[in-house]
Amino acid sequence: MNDQSNRRRFLKFTLAGVIGVTLGGKNLIRPAQASDLPHLDENDAQASALKYIHKSPYEDRNCANCVLLQGEAGDEWRPCQLFPGKLVSSSGWCSAWAG
């Protein structure tokens, strides 16, 4: 094959790929959502080390008002900086609580 034929073939397949991804891939790729993460288990090694529990024994101290909690206010389960890749209960508590 000559160079011009190779270029045409390359451009044809590249264009087909771009069109396929643009039109057909809309639902294939989506950003990760916090809701995709598993809930933190109280028996998890790090959770146990920090005495994490799903229901705070303190009326005024819980994950919802801790500075380490991330995500949307009002969500029942949210990401925490201390437990990457897991969600903690907003009504939970651990010994690293910081107001």
Protein backbone atom coordinates (compact mmCIF):
# COMPACT_ATOMS: atom_id res chain seq x y z
CA MET A 1 0.00 0.00 0.00
CA ASN A 2 1.15 3.51 -0.62
CA ASP A 3 1.34 6.31 1.96
CA GLN A 4 -1.81 8.06 0.72
CA SER A 5 -3.86 4.88 1.06
CA ASN A 6 -2.52 4.31 4.60
CA ARG A 7 -3.41 7.88 5.60
CA ARG A 8 -6.94 7.54 4.24
CA ARG A 9 -7.45 4.27 6.06
CA PHE A 10 -6.09 5.76 9.30
CA LEU A 11 -8.34 8.81 9.02
CA LYS A 12 -11.38 6.65 8.22
CA PHE A 13 -10.91 4.46 11.31
CA THR A 14 -10.08 7.42 13.53
CA LEU A 15 -13.19 9.29 12.43
CA ALA A 16 -15.35 6.19 12.91
CA GLY A 17 -13.94 5.74 16.41
CA VAL A 18 -14.59 9.35 17.37
CA ILE A 19 -18.17 9.15 16.09
CA GLY A 20 -18.73 5.83 17.87
CA VAL A 21 -17.48 7.17 21.20
CA THR A 22 -19.42 10.41 20.83
CA LEU A 23 -22.75 8.87 19.88
CA GLY A 24 -22.63 5.41 21.38
CA GLY A 25 -20.66 5.96 24.55
CA LYS A 26 -22.90 8.44 26.36
CA ASN A 27 -24.00 5.98 29.04
CA LEU A 28 -20.80 3.98 29.21
CA ILE A 29 -18.71 6.58 31.00
CA ARG A 30 -19.97 8.56 33.95
CA PRO A 31 -18.20 10.25 36.81
CA ALA A 32 -17.89 8.25 40.02
CA GLN A 33 -20.55 9.06 42.56
CA ALA A 34 -20.17 9.00 46.34
CA SER A 35 -23.21 6.73 46.43
CA ASP A 36 -21.13 4.11 44.56
CA LEU A 37 -18.91 3.67 47.63
CA PRO A 38 -19.55 0.98 50.27
CA HIS A 39 -20.65 1.90 53.79
CA LEU A 40 -17.94 1.71 56.42
CA ASP A 41 -18.23 -1.41 58.56
CA GLU A 42 -17.82 -0.81 62.29
CA ASN A 43 -15.56 -3.91 62.34
CA ASP A 44 -13.19 -2.45 59.74
CA ALA A 45 -9.64 -2.30 61.17
CA GLN A 46 -9.31 1.48 60.85
CA ALA A 47 -12.88 2.03 62.09
CA SER A 48 -12.16 -0.10 65.16
CA ALA A 49 -8.89 1.75 65.81
CA LEU A 50 -10.77 5.07 65.79
CA LYS A 51 -13.75 3.61 67.73
CA TYR A 52 -16.14 4.48 64.87
CA ILE A 53 -19.83 3.72 65.46
CA HIS A 54 -22.85 4.39 63.23
CA LYS A 55 -24.81 6.17 65.99
CA SER A 56 -23.05 8.81 68.08
CA PRO A 57 -23.43 8.52 71.86
CA TYR A 58 -23.12 12.32 72.05
CA GLU A 59 -25.99 14.64 71.32
CA ASP A 60 -23.81 17.47 70.01
CA ARG A 61 -20.99 15.50 68.31
CA ASN A 62 -21.53 13.39 65.22
CA CYS A 63 -20.07 12.96 61.76
CA ALA A 64 -22.49 15.52 60.29
CA ASN A 65 -20.87 18.33 62.30
CA CYS A 66 -17.27 17.08 62.05
CA VAL A 67 -14.85 19.06 59.88
CA LEU A 68 -13.49 15.86 58.33
CA LEU A 69 -16.80 14.89 56.71
CA GLN A 70 -17.20 15.62 53.01
CA GLY A 71 -20.04 15.45 50.51
CA GLU A 72 -23.49 17.01 50.46
CA ALA A 73 -25.01 18.28 53.69
CA GLY A 74 -28.14 16.34 54.55
CA ASP A 75 -27.01 13.05 52.96
CA GLU A 76 -27.33 10.12 55.38
CA TRP A 77 -24.05 8.49 54.23
CA ARG A 78 -21.08 10.67 53.22
CA PRO A 79 -17.34 10.36 52.50
CA CYS A 80 -14.90 11.10 55.32
CA GLN A 81 -11.26 12.10 54.99
CA LEU A 82 -10.27 9.43 57.52
CA PHE A 83 -11.87 6.54 55.64
CA PRO A 84 -11.06 6.91 51.92
CA GLY A 85 -13.20 4.83 49.62
CA LYS A 86 -15.95 4.32 52.22
CA LEU A 87 -19.03 6.22 53.39
CA VAL A 88 -19.75 6.97 57.04
CA SER A 89 -23.11 7.57 58.66
CA SER A 90 -23.84 11.27 59.20
CA SER A 91 -25.16 10.33 62.64
CA GLY A 92 -21.99 8.32 63.42
CA TRP A 93 -18.99 9.26 65.53
CA CYS A 94 -15.32 8.34 65.98
CA SER A 95 -12.55 9.34 68.38
CA ALA A 96 -11.04 11.67 65.74
CA TRP A 97 -14.16 13.89 65.72
CA ALA A 98 -13.21 17.54 65.25
CA GLY A 99 -15.75 20.35 65.47
